[in-house]
Amino acid sequence: MRLRALALVSAWLAASLLGPTAIADADSATPYAPLAPLIGEWNVGSPGAAPAFIERFSWGPNRAYIWMSVALFSASGEEHLHFEGMIIWNAATGRFDYLFAVEPGSLTQEQGEFHVAETGEIVRDVVLTRPDGTTGVFRQTFRALADGHVETTLMGQTPDGWKPTFPGSDRLLMLPRKSSS
């Protein structure tokens, strides 16, 4: 029943984000269907502002996993890899596990799960582990908008509840990047 509900949500997300042809990509026979609408390159930033970073989601061989990366823009406009890693289906939990190297070479990592909330939002729960072993808890959400864009939030857990990780991160827009070809 839960997978059927996820398949219906994924079909809705695919249709609203990418149009009717995306439904074939969001084949309900695969557990990756809920994340399929995120596949692609996205400019991310505050509404009406220049992009602050790029989120990239791509399929691994035979759609066996999803590769995700985030690149930040420097003041000069150059891309700087912030993190990257693999998202893979975990049949035991019915969720997607991931492991990302943050600021490659820094010995910092993010790990956690992606899942679809009852609201239809895709949720990325994060445990950040720093080189000294200290941790932080964060959450990113993805919500499909009627215009084909995605609203995302980046929040950190504090003793007072969830707070934006930086000013404006409680409401960011993801817009598909224009193809360079």
N, C-alpha and C. Protein backbone atom coordinates (compact mmCIF):
# COMPACT_ATOMS: atom_id res chain seq x y z
N MET A 1 0.83 -1.19 0.00
CA MET A 1 0.00 0.00 0.00
C MET A 1 0.87 1.25 0.00
N ARG A 2 1.93 1.26 0.82
CA ARG A 2 2.80 2.43 0.91
C ARG A 2 3.51 2.70 -0.42
N LEU A 3 4.00 1.62 -1.08
CA LEU A 3 4.65 1.80 -2.37
C LEU A 3 3.66 2.29 -3.41
N ARG A 4 2.41 1.83 -3.35
CA ARG A 4 1.38 2.30 -4.29
C ARG A 4 1.15 3.80 -4.09
N ALA A 5 1.07 4.24 -2.85
CA ALA A 5 0.88 5.66 -2.57
C ALA A 5 2.08 6.46 -3.07
N LEU A 6 3.29 5.93 -2.86
CA LEU A 6 4.49 6.61 -3.35
C LEU A 6 4.48 6.69 -4.87
N ALA A 7 4.02 5.64 -5.53
CA ALA A 7 3.96 5.64 -6.99
C ALA A 7 3.00 6.72 -7.49
N LEU A 8 1.85 6.86 -6.83
CA LEU A 8 0.89 7.89 -7.23
C LEU A 8 1.45 9.28 -7.01
N VAL A 9 2.11 9.49 -5.88
CA VAL A 9 2.73 10.79 -5.60
C VAL A 9 3.81 11.07 -6.63
N SER A 10 4.62 10.07 -6.96
CA SER A 10 5.70 10.29 -7.91
C SER A 10 5.16 10.60 -9.30
N ALA A 11 4.08 9.95 -9.70
CA ALA A 11 3.49 10.26 -11.00
C ALA A 11 2.99 11.70 -11.02
N TRP A 12 2.36 12.14 -9.93
CA TRP A 12 1.90 13.52 -9.86
C TRP A 12 3.08 14.49 -9.93
N LEU A 13 4.14 14.20 -9.15
CA LEU A 13 5.32 15.06 -9.17
C LEU A 13 5.95 15.09 -10.55
N ALA A 14 6.07 13.95 -11.19
CA ALA A 14 6.67 13.89 -12.52
C ALA A 14 5.86 14.71 -13.51
N ALA A 15 4.55 14.55 -13.47
CA ALA A 15 3.71 15.29 -14.40
C ALA A 15 3.77 16.79 -14.14
N SER A 16 3.79 17.19 -12.87
CA SER A 16 3.79 18.61 -12.56
C SER A 16 5.16 19.25 -12.78
N LEU A 17 6.24 18.49 -12.59
CA LEU A 17 7.58 19.05 -12.77
C LEU A 17 8.06 19.00 -14.20
N LEU A 18 7.83 17.90 -14.87
CA LEU A 18 8.46 17.67 -16.16
C LEU A 18 7.49 17.45 -17.31
N GLY A 19 6.21 17.40 -17.03
CA GLY A 19 5.23 17.21 -18.07
C GLY A 19 4.89 15.74 -18.25
N PRO A 20 3.93 15.46 -19.13
CA PRO A 20 3.43 14.10 -19.29
C PRO A 20 4.47 13.08 -19.72
N THR A 21 5.48 13.48 -20.48
CA THR A 21 6.49 12.51 -20.92
C THR A 21 7.31 11.99 -19.78
N ALA A 22 7.36 12.70 -18.67
CA ALA A 22 8.16 12.26 -17.53
C ALA A 22 7.53 11.07 -16.81
N ILE A 23 6.25 10.84 -17.05
CA ILE A 23 5.59 9.73 -16.36
C ILE A 23 6.28 8.42 -16.71
N ALA A 24 6.76 8.28 -17.94
CA ALA A 24 7.49 7.06 -18.32
C ALA A 24 8.74 6.91 -17.48
N ASP A 25 9.41 8.03 -17.16
CA ASP A 25 10.60 7.98 -16.32
C ASP A 25 10.26 7.63 -14.88
N ALA A 26 9.07 7.97 -14.46
CA ALA A 26 8.65 7.71 -13.08
C ALA A 26 7.87 6.41 -13.03
N ASP A 27 8.38 5.39 -13.69
CA ASP A 27 7.74 4.08 -13.75
C ASP A 27 7.47 3.57 -12.34
N SER A 28 6.22 3.25 -12.08
CA SER A 28 5.85 2.84 -10.72
C SER A 28 6.43 1.49 -10.33
N ALA A 29 7.04 0.77 -11.28
CA ALA A 29 7.63 -0.52 -10.95
C ALA A 29 8.98 -0.38 -10.25
N THR A 30 9.53 0.80 -10.21
CA THR A 30 10.83 1.01 -9.59
C THR A 30 10.68 1.79 -8.28
N PRO A 31 11.43 1.43 -7.27
CA PRO A 31 11.34 2.20 -6.03
C PRO A 31 11.89 3.62 -6.18
N TYR A 32 12.63 3.90 -7.24
CA TYR A 32 13.21 5.24 -7.44
C TYR A 32 12.20 6.24 -7.99
N ALA A 33 11.00 5.80 -8.33
CA ALA A 33 10.00 6.69 -8.90
C ALA A 33 9.79 7.97 -8.10
N PRO A 34 9.74 7.95 -6.77
CA PRO A 34 9.50 9.19 -6.03
C PRO A 34 10.59 10.25 -6.23
N LEU A 35 11.82 9.84 -6.51
CA LEU A 35 12.92 10.79 -6.68
C LEU A 35 13.15 11.17 -8.14
N ALA A 36 12.53 10.46 -9.07
CA ALA A 36 12.75 10.71 -10.49
C ALA A 36 12.50 12.16 -10.90
N PRO A 37 11.51 12.88 -10.33
CA PRO A 37 11.30 14.26 -10.74
C PRO A 37 12.48 15.19 -10.42
N LEU A 38 13.37 14.79 -9.54
CA LEU A 38 14.52 15.63 -9.21
C LEU A 38 15.67 15.46 -10.20
N ILE A 39 15.64 14.42 -11.03
CA ILE A 39 16.73 14.18 -11.96
C ILE A 39 16.89 15.38 -12.87
N GLY A 40 18.12 15.87 -12.95
CA GLY A 40 18.42 17.03 -13.78
C GLY A 40 19.32 18.00 -13.04
N GLU A 41 19.51 19.16 -13.65
CA GLU A 41 20.31 20.23 -13.05
C GLU A 41 19.39 21.39 -12.71
N TRP A 42 19.58 21.93 -11.51
CA TRP A 42 18.69 22.97 -10.98
C TRP A 42 19.49 24.16 -10.47
N ASN A 43 19.12 25.36 -10.89
CA ASN A 43 19.62 26.59 -10.26
C ASN A 43 18.78 26.80 -9.01
N VAL A 44 19.43 27.10 -7.90
CA VAL A 44 18.73 27.25 -6.63
C VAL A 44 19.09 28.61 -6.02
N GLY A 45 18.07 29.33 -5.58
CA GLY A 45 18.30 30.61 -4.93
C GLY A 45 17.00 31.19 -4.41
N SER A 46 17.11 32.35 -3.81
CA SER A 46 15.93 33.05 -3.30
C SER A 46 15.08 33.51 -4.47
N PRO A 47 13.76 33.56 -4.30
CA PRO A 47 12.89 34.02 -5.39
C PRO A 47 13.31 35.39 -5.90
N GLY A 48 13.47 35.51 -7.21
CA GLY A 48 13.82 36.78 -7.83
C GLY A 48 15.30 37.13 -7.78
N ALA A 49 16.11 36.32 -7.13
CA ALA A 49 17.55 36.60 -7.00
C ALA A 49 18.35 35.67 -7.92
N ALA A 50 19.61 36.00 -8.09
CA ALA A 50 20.50 35.14 -8.87
C ALA A 50 20.68 33.81 -8.13
N PRO A 51 20.94 32.72 -8.86
CA PRO A 51 21.16 31.44 -8.20
C PRO A 51 22.35 31.50 -7.24
N ALA A 52 22.20 30.82 -6.10
CA ALA A 52 23.28 30.74 -5.11
C ALA A 52 24.08 29.45 -5.29
N PHE A 53 23.39 28.42 -5.82
CA PHE A 53 24.08 27.14 -6.03
C PHE A 53 23.33 26.31 -7.06
N ILE A 54 23.95 25.22 -7.46
CA ILE A 54 23.38 24.27 -8.42
C ILE A 54 23.22 22.93 -7.72
N GLU A 55 22.05 22.34 -7.86
CA GLU A 55 21.85 20.96 -7.40
C GLU A 55 21.74 20.09 -8.65
N ARG A 56 22.51 19.00 -8.65
CA ARG A 56 22.50 18.07 -9.78
C ARG A 56 22.11 16.67 -9.27
N PHE A 57 21.16 16.07 -9.95
CA PHE A 57 20.74 14.70 -9.68
C PHE A 57 20.87 13.93 -10.99
N SER A 58 21.58 12.80 -10.98
CA SER A 58 21.71 12.00 -12.20
C SER A 58 21.63 10.52 -11.86
N TRP A 59 21.20 9.74 -12.83
CA TRP A 59 21.08 8.30 -12.66
C TRP A 59 22.44 7.65 -12.70
N GLY A 60 22.63 6.63 -11.87
CA GLY A 60 23.78 5.75 -11.98
C GLY A 60 23.50 4.73 -13.07
N PRO A 61 24.47 3.86 -13.38
CA PRO A 61 24.27 2.84 -14.40
C PRO A 61 23.02 1.99 -14.13
N ASN A 62 22.23 1.78 -15.18
CA ASN A 62 21.00 0.98 -15.09
C ASN A 62 20.04 1.49 -14.01
N ARG A 63 20.15 2.78 -13.71
CA ARG A 63 19.29 3.40 -12.69
C ARG A 63 19.39 2.67 -11.35
N ALA A 64 20.61 2.19 -11.04
CA ALA A 64 20.85 1.43 -9.82
C ALA A 64 20.96 2.35 -8.60
N TYR A 65 21.22 3.62 -8.81
CA TYR A 65 21.32 4.61 -7.75
C TYR A 65 21.21 5.98 -8.38
N ILE A 66 21.18 7.00 -7.53
CA ILE A 66 21.17 8.39 -7.99
C ILE A 66 22.41 9.07 -7.43
N TRP A 67 23.09 9.83 -8.27
CA TRP A 67 24.25 10.61 -7.88
C TRP A 67 23.76 12.03 -7.67
N MET A 68 24.11 12.65 -6.56
CA MET A 68 23.71 14.03 -6.28
C MET A 68 24.95 14.84 -5.97
N SER A 69 24.96 16.08 -6.45
CA SER A 69 26.02 17.00 -6.08
C SER A 69 25.44 18.40 -5.96
N VAL A 70 26.14 19.21 -5.16
CA VAL A 70 25.80 20.62 -5.02
C VAL A 70 27.07 21.42 -5.24
N ALA A 71 26.97 22.40 -6.11
CA ALA A 71 28.09 23.31 -6.36
C ALA A 71 27.65 24.72 -5.97
N LEU A 72 28.47 25.39 -5.18
CA LEU A 72 28.21 26.78 -4.79
C LEU A 72 28.86 27.70 -5.81
N PHE A 73 28.35 28.91 -5.93
CA PHE A 73 28.97 29.91 -6.80
C PHE A 73 29.87 30.81 -5.96
N SER A 74 31.10 31.02 -6.42
CA SER A 74 32.00 31.96 -5.75
C SER A 74 31.60 33.38 -6.16
N ALA A 75 32.22 34.37 -5.53
CA ALA A 75 31.94 35.77 -5.86
C ALA A 75 32.22 36.06 -7.33
N SER A 76 33.19 35.34 -7.92
CA SER A 76 33.53 35.56 -9.33
C SER A 76 32.64 34.75 -10.27
N GLY A 77 31.71 33.95 -9.71
CA GLY A 77 30.81 33.17 -10.53
C GLY A 77 31.28 31.77 -10.84
N GLU A 78 32.46 31.39 -10.33
CA GLU A 78 32.97 30.04 -10.54
C GLU A 78 32.23 29.05 -9.66
N GLU A 79 32.08 27.83 -10.16
CA GLU A 79 31.47 26.76 -9.37
C GLU A 79 32.50 26.16 -8.42
N HIS A 80 32.05 25.87 -7.20
CA HIS A 80 32.88 25.22 -6.19
C HIS A 80 32.09 24.03 -5.66
N LEU A 81 32.62 22.81 -5.81
CA LEU A 81 31.92 21.62 -5.34
C LEU A 81 31.76 21.69 -3.82
N HIS A 82 30.51 21.65 -3.37
CA HIS A 82 30.22 21.68 -1.94
C HIS A 82 30.09 20.26 -1.39
N PHE A 83 29.30 19.42 -2.06
CA PHE A 83 29.23 18.01 -1.68
C PHE A 83 28.76 17.19 -2.84
N GLU A 84 29.04 15.88 -2.75
CA GLU A 84 28.51 14.94 -3.72
C GLU A 84 28.51 13.54 -3.13
N GLY A 85 27.65 12.69 -3.69
CA GLY A 85 27.59 11.33 -3.22
C GLY A 85 26.42 10.57 -3.81
N MET A 86 26.16 9.42 -3.23
CA MET A 86 25.22 8.46 -3.78
C MET A 86 23.97 8.33 -2.91
N ILE A 87 22.85 8.18 -3.61
CA ILE A 87 21.55 7.89 -2.99
C ILE A 87 21.14 6.51 -3.47
N ILE A 88 20.80 5.62 -2.55
CA ILE A 88 20.46 4.25 -2.96
C ILE A 88 19.26 3.75 -2.16
N TRP A 89 18.40 2.98 -2.83
CA TRP A 89 17.20 2.42 -2.23
C TRP A 89 17.57 1.39 -1.16
N ASN A 90 16.90 1.47 -0.01
CA ASN A 90 17.08 0.49 1.05
C ASN A 90 15.76 -0.25 1.23
N ALA A 91 15.69 -1.47 0.70
CA ALA A 91 14.45 -2.25 0.75
C ALA A 91 14.02 -2.59 2.17
N ALA A 92 14.96 -2.66 3.10
CA ALA A 92 14.63 -3.00 4.49
C ALA A 92 13.86 -1.87 5.17
N THR A 93 14.18 -0.62 4.85
CA THR A 93 13.52 0.51 5.49
C THR A 93 12.45 1.15 4.62
N GLY A 94 12.48 0.88 3.31
CA GLY A 94 11.54 1.52 2.39
C GLY A 94 11.87 2.97 2.16
N ARG A 95 13.12 3.34 2.39
CA ARG A 95 13.59 4.71 2.19
C ARG A 95 14.87 4.68 1.36
N PHE A 96 15.39 5.85 1.09
CA PHE A 96 16.62 5.97 0.31
C PHE A 96 17.74 6.41 1.24
N ASP A 97 18.78 5.62 1.35
CA ASP A 97 19.96 5.99 2.13
C ASP A 97 20.89 6.81 1.26
N TYR A 98 21.67 7.67 1.88
CA TYR A 98 22.68 8.39 1.11
C TYR A 98 23.91 8.64 1.97
N LEU A 99 25.02 8.87 1.28
CA LEU A 99 26.27 9.27 1.90
C LEU A 99 26.93 10.27 0.97
N PHE A 100 27.23 11.46 1.49
CA PHE A 100 27.85 12.53 0.71
C PHE A 100 29.15 12.95 1.37
N ALA A 101 30.17 13.20 0.56
CA ALA A 101 31.40 13.84 1.02
C ALA A 101 31.18 15.34 0.92
N VAL A 102 31.34 16.04 2.04
CA VAL A 102 31.14 17.49 2.08
C VAL A 102 32.50 18.16 1.97
N GLU A 103 32.56 19.20 1.13
CA GLU A 103 33.84 19.89 0.90
C GLU A 103 34.93 18.83 0.76
N PRO A 104 34.91 18.06 -0.34
CA PRO A 104 35.80 16.92 -0.50
C PRO A 104 37.23 17.21 -0.02
N GLY A 105 37.72 16.29 0.81
CA GLY A 105 39.04 16.43 1.41
C GLY A 105 38.98 16.95 2.84
N SER A 106 37.81 17.43 3.26
CA SER A 106 37.67 18.03 4.60
C SER A 106 37.41 16.98 5.68
N LEU A 107 37.10 15.75 5.29
CA LEU A 107 36.71 14.67 6.21
C LEU A 107 35.35 14.92 6.85
N THR A 108 34.55 15.79 6.25
CA THR A 108 33.18 16.04 6.70
C THR A 108 32.25 15.23 5.81
N GLN A 109 31.20 14.69 6.41
CA GLN A 109 30.24 13.91 5.62
C GLN A 109 28.82 14.21 6.04
N GLU A 110 27.90 13.95 5.12
CA GLU A 110 26.48 13.94 5.40
C GLU A 110 25.97 12.55 5.10
N GLN A 111 25.11 12.06 5.98
CA GLN A 111 24.43 10.80 5.70
C GLN A 111 23.02 10.91 6.23
N GLY A 112 22.16 10.08 5.70
CA GLY A 112 20.78 10.10 6.15
C GLY A 112 19.88 9.40 5.18
N GLU A 113 18.63 9.88 5.11
CA GLU A 113 17.61 9.25 4.29
C GLU A 113 16.82 10.29 3.51
N PHE A 114 16.37 9.89 2.33
CA PHE A 114 15.33 10.60 1.59
C PHE A 114 14.06 9.79 1.78
N HIS A 115 12.92 10.47 1.90
CA HIS A 115 11.63 9.79 1.91
C HIS A 115 10.57 10.77 1.45
N VAL A 116 9.39 10.26 1.15
CA VAL A 116 8.26 11.10 0.75
C VAL A 116 7.34 11.23 1.94
N ALA A 117 7.08 12.48 2.33
CA ALA A 117 6.18 12.74 3.46
C ALA A 117 4.72 12.57 3.01
N GLU A 118 3.83 12.48 3.96
CA GLU A 118 2.40 12.34 3.65
C GLU A 118 1.89 13.52 2.84
N THR A 119 2.53 14.67 2.94
CA THR A 119 2.14 15.87 2.19
C THR A 119 2.56 15.79 0.73
N GLY A 120 3.37 14.79 0.38
CA GLY A 120 3.89 14.68 -0.98
C GLY A 120 5.27 15.29 -1.15
N GLU A 121 5.74 16.03 -0.14
CA GLU A 121 7.07 16.60 -0.20
C GLU A 121 8.12 15.51 -0.11
N ILE A 122 9.22 15.70 -0.82
CA ILE A 122 10.37 14.83 -0.67
C ILE A 122 11.21 15.43 0.45
N VAL A 123 11.63 14.60 1.39
CA VAL A 123 12.38 15.06 2.57
C VAL A 123 13.75 14.39 2.58
N ARG A 124 14.78 15.21 2.79
CA ARG A 124 16.14 14.68 2.96
C ARG A 124 16.54 14.98 4.40
N ASP A 125 16.58 13.93 5.23
CA ASP A 125 17.03 14.06 6.62
C ASP A 125 18.55 13.88 6.65
N VAL A 126 19.22 14.77 7.36
CA VAL A 126 20.68 14.86 7.30
C VAL A 126 21.29 14.75 8.70
N VAL A 127 22.34 13.94 8.82
CA VAL A 127 23.24 14.00 9.96
C VAL A 127 24.60 14.38 9.38
N LEU A 128 25.06 15.55 9.75
CA LEU A 128 26.37 16.06 9.32
C LEU A 128 27.39 15.66 10.39
N THR A 129 28.47 14.99 9.96
CA THR A 129 29.55 14.63 10.88
C THR A 129 30.80 15.40 10.47
N ARG A 130 31.29 16.20 11.41
CA ARG A 130 32.47 17.02 11.18
C ARG A 130 33.74 16.20 11.47
N PRO A 131 34.91 16.69 11.03
CA PRO A 131 36.16 15.94 11.25
C PRO A 131 36.46 15.64 12.72
N ASP A 132 35.96 16.47 13.64
CA ASP A 132 36.22 16.23 15.07
C ASP A 132 35.20 15.29 15.70
N GLY A 133 34.27 14.76 14.89
CA GLY A 133 33.27 13.82 15.38
C GLY A 133 31.98 14.45 15.86
N THR A 134 31.92 15.78 15.94
CA THR A 134 30.67 16.42 16.34
C THR A 134 29.68 16.33 15.19
N THR A 135 28.40 16.38 15.54
CA THR A 135 27.35 16.22 14.53
C THR A 135 26.35 17.36 14.59
N GLY A 136 25.62 17.50 13.53
CA GLY A 136 24.50 18.42 13.43
C GLY A 136 23.39 17.74 12.67
N VAL A 137 22.16 18.16 12.92
CA VAL A 137 21.00 17.57 12.25
C VAL A 137 20.34 18.64 11.39
N PHE A 138 20.10 18.29 10.15
CA PHE A 138 19.53 19.22 9.18
C PHE A 138 18.43 18.52 8.40
N ARG A 139 17.65 19.31 7.67
CA ARG A 139 16.58 18.75 6.84
C ARG A 139 16.42 19.64 5.61
N GLN A 140 16.28 18.98 4.46
CA GLN A 140 15.95 19.66 3.22
C GLN A 140 14.63 19.09 2.72
N THR A 141 13.74 19.95 2.28
CA THR A 141 12.48 19.49 1.69
C THR A 141 12.39 19.98 0.26
N PHE A 142 11.65 19.23 -0.55
CA PHE A 142 11.41 19.58 -1.95
C PHE A 142 9.91 19.49 -2.17
N ARG A 143 9.32 20.59 -2.67
CA ARG A 143 7.87 20.62 -2.92
C ARG A 143 7.62 21.10 -4.34
N ALA A 144 6.92 20.27 -5.13
CA ALA A 144 6.60 20.62 -6.51
C ALA A 144 5.63 21.79 -6.53
N LEU A 145 5.89 22.75 -7.43
CA LEU A 145 5.00 23.88 -7.63
C LEU A 145 4.26 23.71 -8.95
N ALA A 146 3.11 24.36 -9.08
CA ALA A 146 2.28 24.21 -10.27
C ALA A 146 2.98 24.65 -11.55
N ASP A 147 3.95 25.56 -11.44
CA ASP A 147 4.63 26.07 -12.64
C ASP A 147 5.80 25.20 -13.09
N GLY A 148 5.97 24.02 -12.45
CA GLY A 148 7.06 23.13 -12.84
C GLY A 148 8.35 23.36 -12.09
N HIS A 149 8.38 24.38 -11.26
CA HIS A 149 9.55 24.63 -10.42
C HIS A 149 9.39 23.87 -9.11
N VAL A 150 10.42 23.92 -8.30
CA VAL A 150 10.39 23.23 -7.01
C VAL A 150 10.77 24.23 -5.92
N GLU A 151 10.03 24.22 -4.83
CA GLU A 151 10.42 25.00 -3.66
C GLU A 151 11.19 24.07 -2.74
N THR A 152 12.32 24.54 -2.23
CA THR A 152 13.11 23.73 -1.32
C THR A 152 13.44 24.55 -0.08
N THR A 153 13.64 23.86 1.02
CA THR A 153 14.04 24.50 2.27
C THR A 153 15.29 23.79 2.78
N LEU A 154 16.14 24.53 3.46
CA LEU A 154 17.32 23.98 4.13
C LEU A 154 17.28 24.46 5.57
N MET A 155 16.99 23.54 6.48
CA MET A 155 16.78 23.90 7.88
C MET A 155 17.72 23.11 8.78
N GLY A 156 18.12 23.73 9.89
CA GLY A 156 18.95 23.07 10.89
C GLY A 156 18.17 22.91 12.18
N GLN A 157 18.40 21.79 12.85
CA GLN A 157 17.70 21.56 14.12
C GLN A 157 18.46 22.25 15.24
N THR A 158 17.74 23.03 16.03
CA THR A 158 18.30 23.74 17.18
C THR A 158 17.48 23.36 18.42
N PRO A 159 17.93 23.73 19.60
CA PRO A 159 17.11 23.45 20.80
C PRO A 159 15.73 24.09 20.74
N ASP A 160 15.58 25.14 19.91
CA ASP A 160 14.29 25.83 19.78
C ASP A 160 13.48 25.35 18.58
N GLY A 161 13.93 24.30 17.89
CA GLY A 161 13.21 23.80 16.73
C GLY A 161 14.01 23.99 15.44
N TRP A 162 13.34 23.86 14.32
CA TRP A 162 13.98 23.99 13.01
C TRP A 162 14.15 25.45 12.65
N LYS A 163 15.36 25.82 12.25
CA LYS A 163 15.68 27.20 11.86
C LYS A 163 16.39 27.17 10.50
N PRO A 164 16.23 28.24 9.69
CA PRO A 164 16.96 28.30 8.41
C PRO A 164 18.46 28.17 8.64
N THR A 165 19.14 27.43 7.75
CA THR A 165 20.59 27.26 7.89
C THR A 165 21.33 28.52 7.46
N PHE A 166 20.70 29.36 6.65
CA PHE A 166 21.22 30.67 6.28
C PHE A 166 20.03 31.54 5.93
N PRO A 167 20.18 32.87 5.94
CA PRO A 167 19.03 33.74 5.66
C PRO A 167 18.38 33.41 4.32
N GLY A 168 17.08 33.15 4.36
CA GLY A 168 16.33 32.84 3.15
C GLY A 168 16.25 31.36 2.82
N SER A 169 16.96 30.50 3.57
CA SER A 169 16.96 29.08 3.22
C SER A 169 15.65 28.38 3.59
N ASP A 170 14.73 29.11 4.18
CA ASP A 170 13.42 28.53 4.48
C ASP A 170 12.48 28.65 3.29
N ARG A 171 12.95 29.29 2.21
CA ARG A 171 12.14 29.37 0.98
C ARG A 171 13.07 29.66 -0.20
N LEU A 172 13.52 28.61 -0.84
CA LEU A 172 14.37 28.71 -2.02
C LEU A 172 13.64 28.12 -3.21
N LEU A 173 13.94 28.63 -4.39
CA LEU A 173 13.34 28.09 -5.61
C LEU A 173 14.39 27.32 -6.40
N MET A 174 13.97 26.17 -6.93
CA MET A 174 14.81 25.38 -7.83
C MET A 174 14.22 25.54 -9.23
N LEU A 175 15.03 26.06 -10.14
CA LEU A 175 14.61 26.24 -11.52
C LEU A 175 15.48 25.39 -12.42
N PRO A 176 14.88 24.68 -13.38
CA PRO A 176 15.71 23.85 -14.27
C PRO A 176 16.76 24.72 -14.98
N ARG A 177 18.00 24.22 -15.04
CA ARG A 177 19.05 24.94 -15.76
C ARG A 177 18.83 24.77 -17.25
N LYS A 178 19.12 25.82 -17.98
CA LYS A 178 19.02 25.75 -19.43
C LYS A 178 20.15 24.88 -19.96
N SER A 179 19.84 24.06 -20.93
CA SER A 179 20.85 23.19 -21.54
C SER A 179 21.87 24.03 -22.28
N SER A 180 23.15 23.64 -22.16
CA SER A 180 24.21 24.38 -22.83
C SER A 180 24.38 23.92 -24.28
N SER A 181 23.61 22.90 -24.68
CA SER A 181 23.75 22.44 -26.08
C SER A 181 22.68 22.99 -26.96
